[in-house]
Amino acid sequence: MKEEKKFSPISGYFALLFTLILIALPLLGMITLKMYFLVVILAIGLFCVGGFLIVNPNESSVLILFGRYIGTVKENGFFWVNPFFVKKRISLRARNIDSEPIKVNDKVGNPIMIGIVLVWKVEDTFKAAFEVDEYVHFVNIQSESAIRRLAGHYPYDNFDDEMTDTTLRSGGDDVNHALEGELSERLAIAGIKVMEARISYLAYASEIAGAMLRRQQATAIVAARYKIVEGAVSMVEMALEQLSKKEIIEMDEEKKASMVSNLMVVLCSDKDASPVINTGTLHQ
């Protein structure tokens, strides 16, 4: 497989002076001395004008001669090359892709919306020019394909499998590194270097967003209730232990059960308790 090779053209300023001479002298001879055969030299001078080449910073020019790759000019400046060369400009600047969110299925089949930000640039001009057709379009298509593949490898979250460590929502750098690796492998054929790739948008698809929101809320409520009950049991246990240790009151099993029930209601309720004052004995 061919690879990029550097081409060193001659200075454009020297060629410009030489070309002006080829054009000016025949014109002068034809006008003053009627030497019309000098039109051949004039034609050569005009033909040489097509060989001038300007390469701006962070740009390159791929040179082709009758279907054969000659080389790439990456040096900035004003040059002259063979007028028969076909010059194809390729930018070497970094470019951004902020993809629109697309609907895909995650590892467990949930429809989600996901979008990415990709920073890339051309590293090998030969591959960008000849290995693929329209390398910019190639980057866009492969980026979408990489998104779909990434989503198929990870679940959106770990609600369906609590043993899953890496998810799209919480994976962070691990998921972004996997995305960069996938894109680098796919875009290497076009001579593209992936500088950065990360998820910029992630959400459930609209048809299941409401149900998943309720599910997340229910999970949060259950987790909160678990902590509340765990704390309430500890407090009840401490209360019974302290009452027994300090011999404040003698309680049989029935009284303990009643006290535990009342304390659990007070501690676990999501509303303020309304106390009932007992003006009789403890047995009433």
Protein backbone atom coordinates (compact mmCIF):
# COMPACT_ATOMS: atom_id res chain seq x y z
CA MET A 1 0.00 0.00 0.00
CA LYS A 2 1.31 3.46 -0.90
CA GLU A 3 1.86 6.05 1.77
CA GLU A 4 2.26 9.79 1.89
CA LYS A 5 5.55 11.17 0.62
CA LYS A 6 6.91 14.67 0.77
CA PHE A 7 7.41 16.72 -2.38
CA SER A 8 9.74 19.75 -2.44
CA PRO A 9 8.74 22.28 -5.14
CA ILE A 10 10.87 25.14 -6.38
CA SER A 11 10.45 28.74 -5.22
CA GLY A 12 7.52 30.50 -6.78
CA TYR A 13 9.28 33.88 -6.83
CA PHE A 14 12.07 32.68 -9.11
CA ALA A 15 9.55 30.94 -11.35
CA LEU A 16 7.41 34.10 -11.44
CA LEU A 17 10.36 36.17 -12.70
CA PHE A 18 11.19 33.58 -15.34
CA THR A 19 7.54 33.36 -16.45
CA LEU A 20 7.24 37.13 -16.76
CA ILE A 21 10.30 37.12 -19.03
CA LEU A 22 8.75 34.37 -21.19
CA ILE A 23 5.62 36.46 -21.56
CA ALA A 24 7.04 40.00 -21.82
CA LEU A 25 9.86 39.43 -24.36
CA PRO A 26 7.72 37.66 -27.00
CA LEU A 27 5.07 40.34 -26.67
CA LEU A 28 7.67 43.04 -27.14
CA GLY A 29 9.16 41.25 -30.17
CA MET A 30 5.79 40.70 -31.78
CA ILE A 31 4.69 44.29 -31.32
CA THR A 32 7.91 46.09 -32.29
CA LEU A 33 9.68 43.67 -34.64
CA LYS A 34 6.66 41.77 -36.02
CA MET A 35 8.33 38.47 -34.99
CA TYR A 36 5.11 36.47 -34.81
CA PHE A 37 6.92 33.16 -34.42
CA LEU A 38 7.59 34.23 -30.83
CA VAL A 39 3.96 33.32 -30.12
CA VAL A 40 5.24 29.83 -29.29
CA ILE A 41 7.38 31.19 -26.47
CA LEU A 42 4.44 33.33 -25.31
CA ALA A 43 2.24 30.24 -25.19
CA ILE A 44 4.88 28.45 -23.10
CA GLY A 45 4.99 31.39 -20.68
CA LEU A 46 1.21 31.43 -20.32
CA PHE A 47 1.22 27.67 -19.79
CA CYS A 48 3.76 28.05 -16.97
CA VAL A 49 1.34 30.31 -15.10
CA GLY A 50 -0.72 27.24 -14.26
CA GLY A 51 2.14 25.84 -12.17
CA PHE A 52 2.01 28.39 -9.37
CA LEU A 53 0.99 27.03 -6.00
CA ILE A 54 0.20 28.72 -2.66
CA VAL A 55 0.12 26.58 0.50
CA ASN A 56 -1.37 28.27 3.54
CA PRO A 57 -0.56 27.36 7.17
CA ASN A 58 -2.04 23.99 8.21
CA GLU A 59 -2.89 23.14 4.61
CA SER A 60 -1.38 20.75 2.07
CA SER A 61 -1.52 20.12 -1.63
CA VAL A 62 -1.58 16.61 -3.10
CA LEU A 63 0.09 16.47 -6.53
CA ILE A 64 -1.05 14.05 -9.24
CA LEU A 65 0.47 13.61 -12.70
CA PHE A 66 -1.63 11.71 -15.24
CA GLY A 67 -3.16 9.51 -12.54
CA ARG A 68 0.10 8.92 -10.63
CA TYR A 69 0.65 10.23 -7.13
CA ILE A 70 3.72 12.46 -7.08
CA GLY A 71 3.79 13.69 -3.49
CA THR A 72 2.34 16.13 -0.99
CA VAL A 73 3.47 19.69 -0.34
CA LYS A 74 3.03 20.57 3.35
CA GLU A 75 5.51 23.43 3.56
CA ASN A 76 3.86 26.83 3.68
CA GLY A 77 4.66 29.43 1.02
CA PHE A 78 4.61 30.35 -2.66
CA PHE A 79 5.87 27.64 -5.05
CA TRP A 80 5.91 26.51 -8.64
CA VAL A 81 5.35 22.96 -9.83
CA ASN A 82 4.84 21.22 -13.14
CA PRO A 83 1.75 22.80 -14.76
CA PHE A 84 0.58 19.31 -15.72
CA PHE A 85 0.22 18.44 -12.04
CA VAL A 86 -3.31 18.21 -10.69
CA LYS A 87 -3.31 19.96 -7.32
CA LYS A 88 -5.74 18.75 -4.65
CA ARG A 89 -5.90 20.85 -1.50
CA ILE A 90 -6.41 19.07 1.83
CA SER A 91 -6.74 20.96 5.10
CA LEU A 92 -4.63 19.79 8.04
CA ARG A 93 -6.56 21.84 10.59
CA ALA A 94 -8.42 20.26 13.49
CA ARG A 95 -12.15 19.92 12.85
CA ASN A 96 -15.17 19.40 15.10
CA ILE A 97 -18.21 17.22 14.68
CA ASP A 98 -21.08 17.84 17.10
CA SER A 99 -23.39 15.08 15.98
CA GLU A 100 -27.13 15.31 16.29
CA PRO A 101 -28.50 12.78 18.83
CA ILE A 102 -29.59 9.58 17.11
CA LYS A 103 -31.86 6.82 18.38
CA VAL A 104 -30.07 3.53 19.09
CA ASN A 105 -30.56 0.50 21.34
CA ASP A 106 -28.30 -0.06 24.32
CA LYS A 107 -26.94 -3.44 25.40
CA VAL A 108 -30.23 -4.55 26.98
CA GLY A 109 -32.36 -3.25 24.11
CA ASN A 110 -33.62 0.03 25.59
CA PRO A 111 -34.06 2.77 22.97
CA ILE A 112 -31.87 5.76 23.84
CA MET A 113 -30.80 9.04 22.25
CA ILE A 114 -27.04 9.59 22.07
CA GLY A 115 -24.79 12.18 20.46
CA ILE A 116 -21.02 12.74 20.46
CA VAL A 117 -18.42 15.44 19.98
CA LEU A 118 -15.49 14.42 17.78
CA VAL A 119 -12.26 16.38 17.18
CA TRP A 120 -10.21 15.08 14.25
CA LYS A 121 -7.70 16.08 11.60
CA VAL A 122 -6.04 14.63 8.51
CA GLU A 123 -2.72 12.97 9.31
CA ASP A 124 -1.99 11.04 6.08
CA THR A 125 -2.96 13.00 2.96
CA PHE A 126 -2.45 10.05 0.62
CA LYS A 127 -5.04 7.93 2.43
CA ALA A 128 -7.44 10.87 2.75
CA ALA A 129 -7.18 11.60 -0.97
CA PHE A 130 -7.12 8.11 -2.47
CA GLU A 131 -8.20 5.45 0.03
CA VAL A 132 -11.74 6.80 0.50
CA ASP A 133 -14.16 8.87 -1.52
CA GLU A 134 -14.85 12.23 0.19
CA TYR A 135 -13.09 11.71 3.50
CA VAL A 136 -15.27 14.29 5.32
CA HIS A 137 -18.41 12.33 4.46
CA PHE A 138 -16.57 9.14 5.45
CA VAL A 139 -15.87 10.57 8.92
CA ASN A 140 -19.53 11.48 9.41
CA ILE A 141 -20.81 8.03 8.42
CA GLN A 142 -18.23 6.14 10.47
CA SER A 143 -18.93 8.32 13.50
CA GLU A 144 -22.60 7.31 13.44
CA SER A 145 -21.62 3.67 13.00
CA ALA A 146 -19.24 3.89 15.98
CA ILE A 147 -22.01 5.40 18.13
CA ARG A 148 -24.31 2.48 17.36
CA ARG A 149 -21.60 -0.06 18.10
CA LEU A 150 -20.66 1.64 21.38
CA ALA A 151 -24.27 1.74 22.57
CA GLY A 152 -24.62 -1.97 21.82
CA HIS A 153 -21.71 -2.78 24.15
CA TYR A 154 -22.93 -0.93 27.26
CA PRO A 155 -26.29 -0.55 29.03
CA TYR A 156 -27.66 2.92 29.70
CA ASP A 157 -27.54 2.24 33.46
CA ASN A 158 -27.29 -0.72 35.82
CA PHE A 159 -30.94 -0.99 36.84
CA ASP A 160 -31.32 -4.27 34.94
CA ASP A 161 -27.97 -5.65 36.09
CA GLU A 162 -26.57 -4.24 39.32
CA MET A 163 -23.34 -6.18 38.77
CA THR A 164 -22.53 -4.07 35.70
CA ASP A 165 -19.67 -1.70 36.53
CA THR A 166 -19.48 0.32 33.30
CA THR A 167 -22.56 1.99 31.85
CA LEU A 168 -23.09 4.76 29.33
CA ARG A 169 -24.37 7.11 32.03
CA SER A 170 -21.67 6.49 34.63
CA GLY A 171 -18.82 5.08 32.54
CA GLY A 172 -17.15 8.46 32.07
CA ASP A 173 -13.57 8.20 30.80
CA ASP A 174 -13.81 4.43 30.22
CA VAL A 175 -16.69 4.86 27.77
CA ASN A 176 -15.02 7.85 26.07
CA HIS A 177 -11.76 5.90 25.66
CA ALA A 178 -13.69 3.01 24.14
CA LEU A 179 -15.34 5.48 21.73
CA GLU A 180 -11.96 6.98 20.77
CA GLY A 181 -10.51 3.53 20.14
CA GLU A 182 -13.46 2.51 17.98
CA LEU A 183 -13.29 5.70 15.92
CA SER A 184 -9.49 5.56 15.57
CA GLU A 185 -9.71 2.05 14.20
CA ARG A 186 -12.45 2.93 11.74
CA LEU A 187 -10.91 6.21 10.51
CA ALA A 188 -7.33 4.95 10.18
CA ILE A 189 -8.10 3.77 6.65
CA ALA A 190 -8.69 7.41 5.66
CA GLY A 191 -5.56 8.73 7.36
CA ILE A 192 -7.62 10.49 10.03
CA LYS A 193 -6.28 11.09 13.54
CA VAL A 194 -8.88 11.19 16.32
CA MET A 195 -7.84 13.86 18.80
CA GLU A 196 -10.82 13.60 21.14
CA ALA A 197 -14.17 11.84 21.25
CA ARG A 198 -16.75 11.99 24.01
CA ILE A 199 -20.48 11.60 24.57
CA SER A 200 -22.20 15.00 24.53
CA TYR A 201 -25.86 13.93 24.84
CA LEU A 202 -27.43 10.90 26.49
CA ALA A 203 -31.08 10.28 27.33
CA TYR A 204 -33.79 7.68 27.04
CA ALA A 205 -35.89 7.84 23.90
CA SER A 206 -39.18 9.73 24.27
CA GLU A 207 -41.36 6.61 24.16
CA ILE A 208 -39.84 5.19 27.36
CA ALA A 209 -38.50 8.32 29.04
CA GLY A 210 -41.56 8.73 31.27
CA ALA A 211 -41.54 5.11 32.41
CA MET A 212 -37.80 5.17 33.09
CA LEU A 213 -38.14 8.40 35.08
CA ARG A 214 -40.79 6.81 37.30
CA ARG A 215 -38.55 3.78 37.65
CA GLN A 216 -35.62 5.92 38.75
CA GLN A 217 -37.82 7.78 41.21
CA ALA A 218 -39.12 4.50 42.64
CA THR A 219 -35.58 3.20 43.00
CA ALA A 220 -34.54 6.37 44.81
CA ILE A 221 -37.55 6.14 47.14
CA VAL A 222 -36.83 2.49 47.95
CA ALA A 223 -33.18 3.30 48.67
CA ALA A 224 -34.19 6.20 50.92
CA ARG A 225 -36.75 4.07 52.76
CA TYR A 226 -34.15 1.38 53.29
CA LYS A 227 -31.85 3.88 54.97
CA ILE A 228 -34.72 5.26 57.06
CA VAL A 229 -35.79 1.80 58.28
CA GLU A 230 -32.19 0.82 58.97
CA GLY A 231 -31.71 3.95 61.08
CA ALA A 232 -35.06 3.52 62.83
CA VAL A 233 -34.24 -0.06 63.85
CA SER A 234 -30.92 1.10 65.28
CA MET A 235 -32.64 3.87 67.25
CA VAL A 236 -35.32 1.53 68.63
CA GLU A 237 -32.66 -0.97 69.62
CA MET A 238 -30.69 1.76 71.36
CA ALA A 239 -33.80 3.04 73.15
CA LEU A 240 -34.71 -0.40 74.51
CA GLU A 241 -31.13 -1.02 75.56
CA GLN A 242 -30.87 2.30 77.41
CA LEU A 243 -34.24 1.85 79.16
CA SER A 244 -33.25 -1.62 80.29
CA LYS A 245 -29.74 -0.57 81.35
CA LYS A 246 -30.85 2.42 83.43
CA GLU A 247 -33.92 0.56 84.80
CA ILE A 248 -36.16 3.52 84.06
CA ILE A 249 -39.23 1.35 83.51
CA GLU A 250 -40.05 -2.33 83.67
CA MET A 251 -41.57 -3.59 80.45
CA ASP A 252 -42.88 -6.99 79.55
CA GLU A 253 -42.83 -8.33 75.99
CA GLU A 254 -46.22 -6.85 75.18
CA LYS A 255 -45.15 -3.36 76.24
CA LYS A 256 -41.90 -3.70 74.31
CA ALA A 257 -43.82 -4.70 71.18
CA SER A 258 -46.16 -1.71 71.59
CA MET A 259 -43.23 0.66 72.09
CA VAL A 260 -41.38 -0.72 69.09
CA SER A 261 -44.49 -0.34 66.94
CA ASN A 262 -45.03 3.27 68.00
CA LEU A 263 -41.38 4.25 67.54
CA MET A 264 -41.21 2.65 64.08
CA VAL A 265 -44.34 4.53 63.01
CA VAL A 266 -42.91 7.83 64.25
CA LEU A 267 -39.43 7.32 62.82
CA CYS A 268 -40.44 5.86 59.45
CA SER A 269 -43.42 8.09 58.69
CA ASP A 270 -42.96 10.78 56.07
CA LYS A 271 -45.26 13.09 58.05
CA ASP A 272 -44.94 14.63 61.47
CA ALA A 273 -46.34 12.46 64.26
CA SER A 274 -49.44 13.64 66.18
CA PRO A 275 -48.93 12.66 69.82
CA VAL A 276 -51.82 11.33 71.94
CA ILE A 277 -51.55 12.27 75.64
CA ASN A 278 -52.51 9.46 78.00
CA THR A 279 -54.05 10.92 81.18
CA GLY A 280 -54.70 7.56 82.77
CA THR A 281 -52.39 4.68 83.61
CA LEU A 282 -49.97 3.05 81.25
CA HIS A 283 -52.43 0.15 80.88
CA GLN A 284 -55.24 2.33 79.49
